[in-house]
Amino acid sequence: MVNEAKFLNTNFLHGSEIYFVMSKIEKEYPLHFHEFYEIELPIEGEGYEIINGVRHEIDYSTIFLFHPTDYHQIFATKPITMYNIAFTNSVIDEEIISNFLNYESGIVINLSENKLNQIKTTIKLIQEIFNSHRSNKEDILSHLLNALLLIIIGSRQTPEAIESSQSPIVSVLKYIHENYSSNPTLQELSDYCGYQRNYFCDYFKKKTGFTYKDYLSNIKINASKRLLKITNKSIKEIALECGFNSVNNFIRKFKIHANITPMQYRKLYLETKK
C-alpha cells in the first residue's frame, strides 16, 4: 500500500446509526477505512476499486460490503455513481452479525439478475424512508437494512468465504460477540487462539485496527443502544446485561462514545417515534 489510508470516523453518519447517500466519484476517492459498516452498489460509470490491496472492477451487477477497518480506494475512468449505506452494528440483528463474521474482510458479490433487482428495490425503499420525515423511520430503516443484508449475504457463499470463516481472527471475533457481556480477558482470548498474550494483542490490532479493549467497549455500547431502544429496562439493568461493572462506568463510557448519556439517547429515540 503506497499511500496511507485515511480514517473516517462516525461523524460520517451525522449522528445516525444508518446513513444513506447517492455518491458520485469523478476521478478518485482516496484510500480510507472506518469503524462502521458500508454497502456500495455502483449504478453508473466505469472504473475499479482497490479493497485491502486487491483490485476489483466496477460492475453494475456487483455489490461491495465493507467491515470496519477494511481499507479501500475507488478509481473512475468514467464518473461513477453509486448507492452508499453506512451503518453501525447496533442496528444489525444478532444472527446477521454472526453471518457477517463468517467473512474476514470486505465481501464482493456478483449478483444474479433476480438478486440484483431484489437489492435495488430494497435500497430504493431505504432511500425513500431515509429522506422522509416519518416518526418511526429509524425502526423501518433497521428492518429494511437487515432484510437487505440477508439478501446480500445469501447471494453467494464462495469457497474462499468458507475458508476465511475458519481463520483465527474470525473465530475470536465470533467468540467476543457471543460472550462480550462476561468481559473475556486477553488471556482467555489468547488461550482460545493458542497464541501468546503479547502476540495476540499485536495480531488483533493488525487484523481489526482496534485494541481489544476498544473493540470490546464498542460492542458493549452498541448492544446497550439496542436495548435502550427496544426495551423498557432500567439503565442499571442494561449496564449489567452488557457487562459494565457499574452504572457510573456505563454512563461515562456511553457519553464518551455517543456524546450524550444513555437516558438522553433513549429520550431522543422515543421522541423520534412520536
C-alpha atoms as a PDB file:
ATOM      1  CA  MET A   1       0.000   0.000   0.000  1.00  0.00           C
ATOM      2  CA  VAL A   2       1.741   3.145  -1.241  1.00  0.00           C
ATOM      3  CA  ASN A   3      -0.487   5.789   0.316  1.00  0.00           C
ATOM      4  CA  GLU A   4      -1.601   5.955   3.916  1.00  0.00           C
ATOM      5  CA  ALA A   5      -5.257   5.068   4.458  1.00  0.00           C
ATOM      6  CA  LYS A   6      -7.363   7.901   5.858  1.00  0.00           C
ATOM      7  CA  PHE A   7      -9.603   7.069   8.826  1.00  0.00           C
ATOM      8  CA  LEU A   8     -13.226   8.212   8.502  1.00  0.00           C
ATOM      9  CA  ASN A   9     -14.909   8.321  11.901  1.00  0.00           C
ATOM     10  CA  THR A  10     -18.595   8.036  12.763  1.00  0.00           C
ATOM     11  CA  ASN A  11     -19.154  11.736  12.034  1.00  0.00           C
ATOM     12  CA  PHE A  12     -19.762  10.410   8.530  1.00  0.00           C
ATOM     13  CA  LEU A  13     -23.018   9.016   9.910  1.00  0.00           C
ATOM     14  CA  HIS A  14     -24.105  12.508  11.012  1.00  0.00           C
ATOM     15  CA  GLY A  15     -25.180  11.215  14.419  1.00  0.00           C
ATOM     16  CA  SER A  16     -27.321   8.419  12.985  1.00  0.00           C
ATOM     17  CA  GLU A  17     -26.954   4.647  13.173  1.00  0.00           C
ATOM     18  CA  ILE A  18     -27.891   4.321   9.473  1.00  0.00           C
ATOM     19  CA  TYR A  19     -26.988   6.824   6.771  1.00  0.00           C
ATOM     20  CA  PHE A  20     -27.867   6.756   3.054  1.00  0.00           C
ATOM     21  CA  VAL A  21     -26.274   8.781   0.271  1.00  0.00           C
ATOM     22  CA  MET A  22     -26.014   8.577  -3.517  1.00  0.00           C
ATOM     23  CA  SER A  23     -22.412   9.498  -4.230  1.00  0.00           C
ATOM     24  CA  LYS A  24     -20.543  10.391  -7.410  1.00  0.00           C
ATOM     25  CA  ILE A  25     -16.811   9.842  -7.923  1.00  0.00           C
ATOM     26  CA  GLU A  26     -15.432  11.919 -10.775  1.00  0.00           C
ATOM     27  CA  LYS A  27     -11.876  10.555 -10.772  1.00  0.00           C
ATOM     28  CA  GLU A  28     -10.796   9.095  -7.438  1.00  0.00           C
ATOM     29  CA  TYR A  29     -11.980   8.520  -3.874  1.00  0.00           C
ATOM     30  CA  PRO A  30      -8.887   8.361  -1.635  1.00  0.00           C
ATOM     31  CA  LEU A  31      -7.726   5.330   0.303  1.00  0.00           C
ATOM     32  CA  HIS A  32      -9.665   5.141   3.574  1.00  0.00           C
ATOM     33  CA  PHE A  33     -11.155   2.938   6.275  1.00  0.00           C
ATOM     34  CA  HIS A  34     -13.753   3.454   9.006  1.00  0.00           C
ATOM     35  CA  GLU A  35     -15.282   1.934  12.131  1.00  0.00           C
ATOM     36  CA  PHE A  36     -18.742   1.487  10.622  1.00  0.00           C
ATOM     37  CA  TYR A  37     -20.078  -0.987   8.044  1.00  0.00           C
ATOM     38  CA  GLU A  38     -20.761   0.142   4.494  1.00  0.00           C
ATOM     39  CA  ILE A  39     -22.641  -1.120   1.439  1.00  0.00           C
ATOM     40  CA  GLU A  40     -21.743   0.123  -2.056  1.00  0.00           C
ATOM     41  CA  LEU A  41     -23.805  -0.609  -5.166  1.00  0.00           C
ATOM     42  CA  PRO A  42     -22.488   1.020  -8.384  1.00  0.00           C
ATOM     43  CA  ILE A  43     -25.205   2.052 -10.834  1.00  0.00           C
ATOM     44  CA  GLU A  44     -23.318   4.092 -13.440  1.00  0.00           C
ATOM     45  CA  GLY A  45     -19.796   4.757 -14.726  1.00  0.00           C
ATOM     46  CA  GLU A  46     -16.608   2.760 -15.148  1.00  0.00           C
ATOM     47  CA  GLY A  47     -13.530   2.081 -13.056  1.00  0.00           C
ATOM     48  CA  TYR A  48     -12.223  -0.160 -10.323  1.00  0.00           C
ATOM     49  CA  GLU A  49     -11.882  -0.351  -6.555  1.00  0.00           C
ATOM     50  CA  ILE A  50      -8.851  -1.450  -4.533  1.00  0.00           C
ATOM     51  CA  ILE A  51     -10.045  -3.357  -1.448  1.00  0.00           C
ATOM     52  CA  ASN A  52      -7.429  -4.423   1.113  1.00  0.00           C
ATOM     53  CA  GLY A  53      -4.828  -4.254  -1.652  1.00  0.00           C
ATOM     54  CA  VAL A  54      -6.833  -6.287  -4.214  1.00  0.00           C
ATOM     55  CA  ARG A  55      -8.235  -4.762  -7.410  1.00  0.00           C
ATOM     56  CA  HIS A  56     -11.925  -5.311  -8.266  1.00  0.00           C
ATOM     57  CA  GLU A  57     -13.547  -3.990 -11.443  1.00  0.00           C
ATOM     58  CA  ILE A  58     -16.651  -1.838 -11.012  1.00  0.00           C
ATOM     59  CA  ASP A  59     -19.615  -3.770 -12.387  1.00  0.00           C
ATOM     60  CA  TYR A  60     -23.324  -2.949 -12.172  1.00  0.00           C
ATOM     61  CA  SER A  61     -24.091  -6.494 -11.039  1.00  0.00           C
ATOM     62  CA  THR A  62     -21.502  -6.353  -8.231  1.00  0.00           C
ATOM     63  CA  ILE A  63     -22.162  -5.184  -4.685  1.00  0.00           C
ATOM     64  CA  PHE A  64     -19.477  -4.347  -2.122  1.00  0.00           C
ATOM     65  CA  LEU A  65     -19.938  -4.887   1.608  1.00  0.00           C
ATOM     66  CA  PHE A  66     -17.253  -3.499   3.934  1.00  0.00           C
ATOM     67  CA  HIS A  67     -16.431  -4.418   7.514  1.00  0.00           C
ATOM     68  CA  PRO A  68     -14.975  -1.839   9.889  1.00  0.00           C
ATOM     69  CA  THR A  69     -11.263  -1.311   9.090  1.00  0.00           C
ATOM     70  CA  ASP A  70     -11.406  -2.674   5.515  1.00  0.00           C
ATOM     71  CA  TYR A  71      -9.405  -0.138   3.523  1.00  0.00           C
ATOM     72  CA  HIS A  72     -10.490   0.755   0.025  1.00  0.00           C
ATOM     73  CA  GLN A  73      -9.987   3.270  -2.766  1.00  0.00           C
ATOM     74  CA  ILE A  74     -12.003   3.986  -5.933  1.00  0.00           C
ATOM     75  CA  PHE A  75     -10.647   4.997  -9.348  1.00  0.00           C
ATOM     76  CA  ALA A  76     -13.116   6.186 -12.002  1.00  0.00           C
ATOM     77  CA  THR A  77     -12.249   6.044 -15.698  1.00  0.00           C
ATOM     78  CA  LYS A  78     -15.752   7.404 -16.314  1.00  0.00           C
ATOM     79  CA  PRO A  79     -17.590   9.176 -13.432  1.00  0.00           C
ATOM     80  CA  ILE A  80     -19.076   6.554 -11.118  1.00  0.00           C
ATOM     81  CA  THR A  81     -22.439   6.924  -9.375  1.00  0.00           C
ATOM     82  CA  MET A  82     -23.253   4.529  -6.549  1.00  0.00           C
ATOM     83  CA  TYR A  83     -25.577   3.947  -3.635  1.00  0.00           C
ATOM     84  CA  ASN A  84     -23.803   4.066  -0.247  1.00  0.00           C
ATOM     85  CA  ILE A  85     -25.326   2.877   3.013  1.00  0.00           C
ATOM     86  CA  ALA A  86     -23.286   3.301   6.199  1.00  0.00           C
ATOM     87  CA  PHE A  87     -24.389   1.735   9.480  1.00  0.00           C
ATOM     88  CA  THR A  88     -23.247   0.537  12.897  1.00  0.00           C
ATOM     89  CA  ASN A  89     -23.741  -2.944  14.328  1.00  0.00           C
ATOM     90  CA  SER A  90     -26.301  -1.600  16.810  1.00  0.00           C
ATOM     91  CA  VAL A  91     -28.936  -1.872  14.069  1.00  0.00           C
ATOM     92  CA  ILE A  92     -27.964  -5.369  12.895  1.00  0.00           C
ATOM     93  CA  ASP A  93     -29.740  -8.448  14.242  1.00  0.00           C
ATOM     94  CA  GLU A  94     -27.517 -10.749  16.299  1.00  0.00           C
ATOM     95  CA  GLU A  95     -27.889 -13.626  13.818  1.00  0.00           C
ATOM     96  CA  ILE A  96     -26.818 -11.395  10.948  1.00  0.00           C
ATOM     97  CA  ILE A  97     -23.802 -10.160  12.920  1.00  0.00           C
ATOM     98  CA  SER A  98     -22.752 -13.788  13.271  1.00  0.00           C
ATOM     99  CA  ASN A  99     -23.115 -14.282   9.499  1.00  0.00           C
ATOM    100  CA  PHE A 100     -21.067 -11.149   8.916  1.00  0.00           C
ATOM    101  CA  LEU A 101     -18.212 -12.659  10.870  1.00  0.00           C
ATOM    102  CA  ASN A 102     -18.075 -15.614   8.504  1.00  0.00           C
ATOM    103  CA  TYR A 103     -16.192 -13.222   6.241  1.00  0.00           C
ATOM    104  CA  GLU A 104     -12.824 -11.938   7.400  1.00  0.00           C
ATOM    105  CA  SER A 105     -12.751  -8.906   5.127  1.00  0.00           C
ATOM    106  CA  GLY A 106     -14.764  -6.993   2.547  1.00  0.00           C
ATOM    107  CA  ILE A 107     -17.310  -9.035   0.609  1.00  0.00           C
ATOM    108  CA  VAL A 108     -17.508  -8.612  -3.161  1.00  0.00           C
ATOM    109  CA  ILE A 109     -20.542 -10.398  -4.607  1.00  0.00           C
ATOM    110  CA  ASN A 110     -21.543 -10.818  -8.247  1.00  0.00           C
ATOM    111  CA  LEU A 111     -25.316 -10.827  -8.338  1.00  0.00           C
ATOM    112  CA  SER A 112     -27.802 -12.681 -10.485  1.00  0.00           C
ATOM    113  CA  GLU A 113     -30.382 -10.502 -12.253  1.00  0.00           C
ATOM    114  CA  ASN A 114     -33.048 -11.636  -9.783  1.00  0.00           C
ATOM    115  CA  LYS A 115     -30.918 -10.835  -6.708  1.00  0.00           C
ATOM    116  CA  LEU A 116     -29.838  -7.513  -8.207  1.00  0.00           C
ATOM    117  CA  ASN A 117     -33.470  -6.499  -8.715  1.00  0.00           C
ATOM    118  CA  GLN A 118     -34.335  -7.505  -5.128  1.00  0.00           C
ATOM    119  CA  ILE A 119     -31.412  -5.481  -3.785  1.00  0.00           C
ATOM    120  CA  LYS A 120     -32.185  -2.406  -5.902  1.00  0.00           C
ATOM    121  CA  THR A 121     -35.833  -2.490  -4.822  1.00  0.00           C
ATOM    122  CA  THR A 122     -34.838  -2.694  -1.150  1.00  0.00           C
ATOM    123  CA  ILE A 123     -32.232   0.064  -1.480  1.00  0.00           C
ATOM    124  CA  LYS A 124     -34.762   2.357  -3.156  1.00  0.00           C
ATOM    125  CA  LEU A 125     -37.130   1.755  -0.238  1.00  0.00           C
ATOM    126  CA  ILE A 126     -34.299   2.618   2.166  1.00  0.00           C
ATOM    127  CA  GLN A 127     -33.636   5.801   0.184  1.00  0.00           C
ATOM    128  CA  GLU A 128     -37.313   6.760   0.268  1.00  0.00           C
ATOM    129  CA  ILE A 129     -37.681   6.175   4.014  1.00  0.00           C
ATOM    130  CA  PHE A 130     -34.334   7.835   4.825  1.00  0.00           C
ATOM    131  CA  ASN A 131     -35.428  11.018   3.036  1.00  0.00           C
ATOM    132  CA  SER A 132     -38.869  11.006   4.648  1.00  0.00           C
ATOM    133  CA  HIS A 133     -39.990  12.652   7.890  1.00  0.00           C
ATOM    134  CA  ARG A 134     -41.790   9.628   9.291  1.00  0.00           C
ATOM    135  CA  SER A 135     -41.797   9.397  13.057  1.00  0.00           C
ATOM    136  CA  ASN A 136     -40.809   5.708  13.047  1.00  0.00           C
ATOM    137  CA  LYS A 137     -38.334   5.875  10.189  1.00  0.00           C
ATOM    138  CA  GLU A 138     -35.370   4.545  12.216  1.00  0.00           C
ATOM    139  CA  ASP A 139     -37.281   1.358  13.018  1.00  0.00           C
ATOM    140  CA  ILE A 140     -38.305   0.923   9.372  1.00  0.00           C
ATOM    141  CA  LEU A 141     -34.753   1.576   8.180  1.00  0.00           C
ATOM    142  CA  SER A 142     -33.410  -1.010  10.605  1.00  0.00           C
ATOM    143  CA  HIS A 143     -35.834  -3.674   9.347  1.00  0.00           C
ATOM    144  CA  LEU A 144     -35.116  -2.848   5.710  1.00  0.00           C
ATOM    145  CA  LEU A 145     -31.365  -2.884   6.284  1.00  0.00           C
ATOM    146  CA  ASN A 146     -31.488  -6.297   7.951  1.00  0.00           C
ATOM    147  CA  ALA A 147     -33.586  -7.615   5.051  1.00  0.00           C
ATOM    148  CA  LEU A 148     -31.061  -6.189   2.589  1.00  0.00           C
ATOM    149  CA  LEU A 149     -28.143  -7.802   4.429  1.00  0.00           C
ATOM    150  CA  LEU A 150     -29.868 -11.180   4.398  1.00  0.00           C
ATOM    151  CA  ILE A 151     -30.292 -10.917   0.618  1.00  0.00           C
ATOM    152  CA  ILE A 152     -26.652  -9.863   0.157  1.00  0.00           C
ATOM    153  CA  ILE A 153     -25.108 -12.475   2.434  1.00  0.00           C
ATOM    154  CA  GLY A 154     -27.306 -15.200   0.983  1.00  0.00           C
ATOM    155  CA  SER A 155     -26.427 -14.278  -2.592  1.00  0.00           C
ATOM    156  CA  ARG A 156     -23.189 -16.190  -2.694  1.00  0.00           C
ATOM    157  CA  GLN A 157     -21.167 -18.492  -0.459  1.00  0.00           C
ATOM    158  CA  THR A 158     -17.748 -18.925  -2.016  1.00  0.00           C
ATOM    159  CA  PRO A 159     -15.095 -21.477  -1.032  1.00  0.00           C
ATOM    160  CA  GLU A 160     -12.903 -18.512  -0.077  1.00  0.00           C
ATOM    161  CA  ALA A 161     -15.571 -17.261   2.317  1.00  0.00           C
ATOM    162  CA  ILE A 162     -15.904 -20.698   3.879  1.00  0.00           C
ATOM    163  CA  GLU A 163     -12.152 -20.962   4.285  1.00  0.00           C
ATOM    164  CA  SER A 164     -11.819 -17.491   5.820  1.00  0.00           C
ATOM    165  CA  SER A 165     -14.550 -18.316   8.333  1.00  0.00           C
ATOM    166  CA  GLN A 166     -12.100 -20.790   9.883  1.00  0.00           C
ATOM    167  CA  SER A 167      -9.325 -18.210  10.395  1.00  0.00           C
ATOM    168  CA  PRO A 168      -8.281 -17.361  13.969  1.00  0.00           C
ATOM    169  CA  ILE A 169      -9.475 -13.746  13.831  1.00  0.00           C
ATOM    170  CA  VAL A 170     -12.955 -14.739  12.614  1.00  0.00           C
ATOM    171  CA  SER A 171     -13.239 -17.376  15.335  1.00  0.00           C
ATOM    172  CA  VAL A 172     -12.159 -14.991  18.058  1.00  0.00           C
ATOM    173  CA  LEU A 173     -14.487 -12.217  16.840  1.00  0.00           C
ATOM    174  CA  LYS A 174     -17.403 -14.654  16.970  1.00  0.00           C
ATOM    175  CA  TYR A 175     -16.353 -15.627  20.478  1.00  0.00           C
ATOM    176  CA  ILE A 176     -16.221 -11.978  21.576  1.00  0.00           C
ATOM    177  CA  HIS A 177     -19.639 -11.181  20.091  1.00  0.00           C
ATOM    178  CA  GLU A 178     -21.169 -14.214  21.794  1.00  0.00           C
ATOM    179  CA  ASN A 179     -19.536 -13.564  25.180  1.00  0.00           C
ATOM    180  CA  TYR A 180     -18.997  -9.791  25.407  1.00  0.00           C
ATOM    181  CA  SER A 181     -21.230  -9.430  28.462  1.00  0.00           C
ATOM    182  CA  SER A 182     -18.873 -11.623  30.515  1.00  0.00           C
ATOM    183  CA  ASN A 183     -15.874  -9.458  29.515  1.00  0.00           C
ATOM    184  CA  PRO A 184     -13.479 -12.126  28.195  1.00  0.00           C
ATOM    185  CA  THR A 185      -9.924 -11.390  29.294  1.00  0.00           C
ATOM    186  CA  LEU A 186      -6.968 -11.019  26.963  1.00  0.00           C
ATOM    187  CA  GLN A 187      -5.520 -14.190  28.438  1.00  0.00           C
ATOM    188  CA  GLU A 188      -8.763 -16.051  27.785  1.00  0.00           C
ATOM    189  CA  LEU A 189      -8.775 -14.947  24.148  1.00  0.00           C
ATOM    190  CA  SER A 190      -5.077 -15.667  23.722  1.00  0.00           C
ATOM    191  CA  ASP A 191      -5.605 -19.193  25.035  1.00  0.00           C
ATOM    192  CA  TYR A 192      -8.641 -19.569  22.772  1.00  0.00           C
ATOM    193  CA  CYS A 193      -6.461 -18.791  19.728  1.00  0.00           C
ATOM    194  CA  GLY A 194      -3.435 -20.682  21.050  1.00  0.00           C
ATOM    195  CA  TYR A 195      -1.280 -17.533  20.943  1.00  0.00           C
ATOM    196  CA  GLN A 196       0.982 -15.842  23.455  1.00  0.00           C
ATOM    197  CA  ARG A 197      -0.759 -12.830  25.001  1.00  0.00           C
ATOM    198  CA  ASN A 198       1.590 -10.178  23.550  1.00  0.00           C
ATOM    199  CA  TYR A 199       1.420 -11.749  20.099  1.00  0.00           C
ATOM    200  CA  PHE A 200      -2.382 -11.889  20.307  1.00  0.00           C
ATOM    201  CA  CYS A 201      -2.588  -8.164  21.158  1.00  0.00           C
ATOM    202  CA  ASP A 202      -0.493  -7.275  18.099  1.00  0.00           C
ATOM    203  CA  TYR A 203      -2.397  -9.731  15.904  1.00  0.00           C
ATOM    204  CA  PHE A 204      -5.807  -8.397  16.983  1.00  0.00           C
ATOM    205  CA  LYS A 205      -4.804  -4.775  16.389  1.00  0.00           C
ATOM    206  CA  LYS A 206      -3.364  -5.625  12.972  1.00  0.00           C
ATOM    207  CA  LYS A 207      -6.483  -7.501  11.866  1.00  0.00           C
ATOM    208  CA  THR A 208      -9.173  -5.156  13.257  1.00  0.00           C
ATOM    209  CA  GLY A 209      -7.472  -1.763  13.573  1.00  0.00           C
ATOM    210  CA  PHE A 210      -8.568  -1.595  17.233  1.00  0.00           C
ATOM    211  CA  THR A 211      -7.126  -2.615  20.551  1.00  0.00           C
ATOM    212  CA  TYR A 212      -9.126  -5.406  22.155  1.00  0.00           C
ATOM    213  CA  LYS A 213     -10.231  -3.028  24.919  1.00  0.00           C
ATOM    214  CA  ASP A 214     -11.663  -0.518  22.436  1.00  0.00           C
ATOM    215  CA  TYR A 215     -13.258  -3.213  20.289  1.00  0.00           C
ATOM    216  CA  LEU A 216     -14.994  -4.791  23.283  1.00  0.00           C
ATOM    217  CA  SER A 217     -16.168  -1.400  24.520  1.00  0.00           C
ATOM    218  CA  ASN A 218     -17.716  -0.601  21.117  1.00  0.00           C
ATOM    219  CA  ILE A 219     -19.602  -3.911  21.074  1.00  0.00           C
ATOM    220  CA  LYS A 220     -20.972  -3.323  24.577  1.00  0.00           C
ATOM    221  CA  ILE A 221     -22.030   0.250  23.821  1.00  0.00           C
ATOM    222  CA  ASN A 222     -23.760  -0.766  20.581  1.00  0.00           C
ATOM    223  CA  ALA A 223     -25.534  -3.599  22.405  1.00  0.00           C
ATOM    224  CA  SER A 224     -26.698  -1.129  25.042  1.00  0.00           C
ATOM    225  CA  LYS A 225     -28.054   1.208  22.339  1.00  0.00           C
ATOM    226  CA  ARG A 226     -30.190  -1.625  21.023  1.00  0.00           C
ATOM    227  CA  LEU A 227     -31.573  -2.377  24.492  1.00  0.00           C
ATOM    228  CA  LEU A 228     -32.222   1.309  25.143  1.00  0.00           C
ATOM    229  CA  LYS A 229     -34.344   1.433  22.002  1.00  0.00           C
ATOM    230  CA  ILE A 230     -36.263  -1.844  22.104  1.00  0.00           C
ATOM    231  CA  THR A 231     -36.761  -2.464  25.855  1.00  0.00           C
ATOM    232  CA  ASN A 232     -38.003  -0.637  28.931  1.00  0.00           C
ATOM    233  CA  LYS A 233     -35.150  -1.967  31.062  1.00  0.00           C
ATOM    234  CA  SER A 234     -33.563   0.421  33.526  1.00  0.00           C
ATOM    235  CA  ILE A 235     -30.129   1.939  32.936  1.00  0.00           C
ATOM    236  CA  LYS A 236     -28.772  -0.281  35.708  1.00  0.00           C
ATOM    237  CA  GLU A 237     -30.246  -3.446  34.161  1.00  0.00           C
ATOM    238  CA  ILE A 238     -28.817  -2.571  30.750  1.00  0.00           C
ATOM    239  CA  ALA A 239     -25.407  -1.749  32.211  1.00  0.00           C
ATOM    240  CA  LEU A 240     -25.203  -5.127  33.937  1.00  0.00           C
ATOM    241  CA  GLU A 241     -26.595  -7.053  30.965  1.00  0.00           C
ATOM    242  CA  CYS A 242     -23.981  -5.523  28.673  1.00  0.00           C
ATOM    243  CA  GLY A 243     -21.108  -6.311  31.007  1.00  0.00           C
ATOM    244  CA  PHE A 244     -20.373  -2.974  32.665  1.00  0.00           C
ATOM    245  CA  ASN A 245     -19.229  -3.268  36.268  1.00  0.00           C
ATOM    246  CA  SER A 246     -21.198  -0.234  37.437  1.00  0.00           C
ATOM    247  CA  VAL A 247     -23.847   2.214  36.250  1.00  0.00           C
ATOM    248  CA  ASN A 248     -21.413   5.119  36.559  1.00  0.00           C
ATOM    249  CA  ASN A 249     -18.853   3.334  34.396  1.00  0.00           C
ATOM    250  CA  PHE A 250     -21.528   2.600  31.802  1.00  0.00           C
ATOM    251  CA  ILE A 251     -22.755   6.202  31.692  1.00  0.00           C
ATOM    252  CA  ARG A 252     -19.208   7.552  31.460  1.00  0.00           C
ATOM    253  CA  LYS A 253     -18.212   5.265  28.572  1.00  0.00           C
ATOM    254  CA  PHE A 254     -21.528   5.756  26.774  1.00  0.00           C
ATOM    255  CA  LYS A 255     -21.100   9.523  26.927  1.00  0.00           C
ATOM    256  CA  ILE A 256     -17.563   9.269  25.521  1.00  0.00           C
ATOM    257  CA  HIS A 257     -18.881   7.135  22.649  1.00  0.00           C
ATOM    258  CA  ALA A 258     -22.168   8.941  21.868  1.00  0.00           C
ATOM    259  CA  ASN A 259     -21.638  12.422  23.379  1.00  0.00           C
ATOM    260  CA  ILE A 260     -24.873  12.030  25.348  1.00  0.00           C
ATOM    261  CA  THR A 261     -25.971   9.925  28.324  1.00  0.00           C
ATOM    262  CA  PRO A 262     -27.899   6.652  27.909  1.00  0.00           C
ATOM    263  CA  MET A 263     -31.062   8.299  29.231  1.00  0.00           C
ATOM    264  CA  GLN A 264     -30.717  11.178  26.787  1.00  0.00           C
ATOM    265  CA  TYR A 265     -30.179   8.655  23.970  1.00  0.00           C
ATOM    266  CA  ARG A 266     -33.367   6.798  24.887  1.00  0.00           C
ATOM    267  CA  LYS A 267     -35.321  10.042  25.185  1.00  0.00           C
ATOM    268  CA  LEU A 268     -34.176  11.236  21.757  1.00  0.00           C
ATOM    269  CA  TYR A 269     -35.098   7.901  20.228  1.00  0.00           C
ATOM    270  CA  LEU A 270     -38.566   7.909  21.805  1.00  0.00           C
ATOM    271  CA  GLU A 271     -39.175  11.481  20.647  1.00  0.00           C
ATOM    272  CA  THR A 272     -38.473  10.466  17.029  1.00  0.00           C
ATOM    273  CA  LYS A 273     -41.202   7.821  17.291  1.00  0.00           C
ATOM    274  CA  LYS A 274     -43.936  10.276  18.291  1.00  0.00           C
END
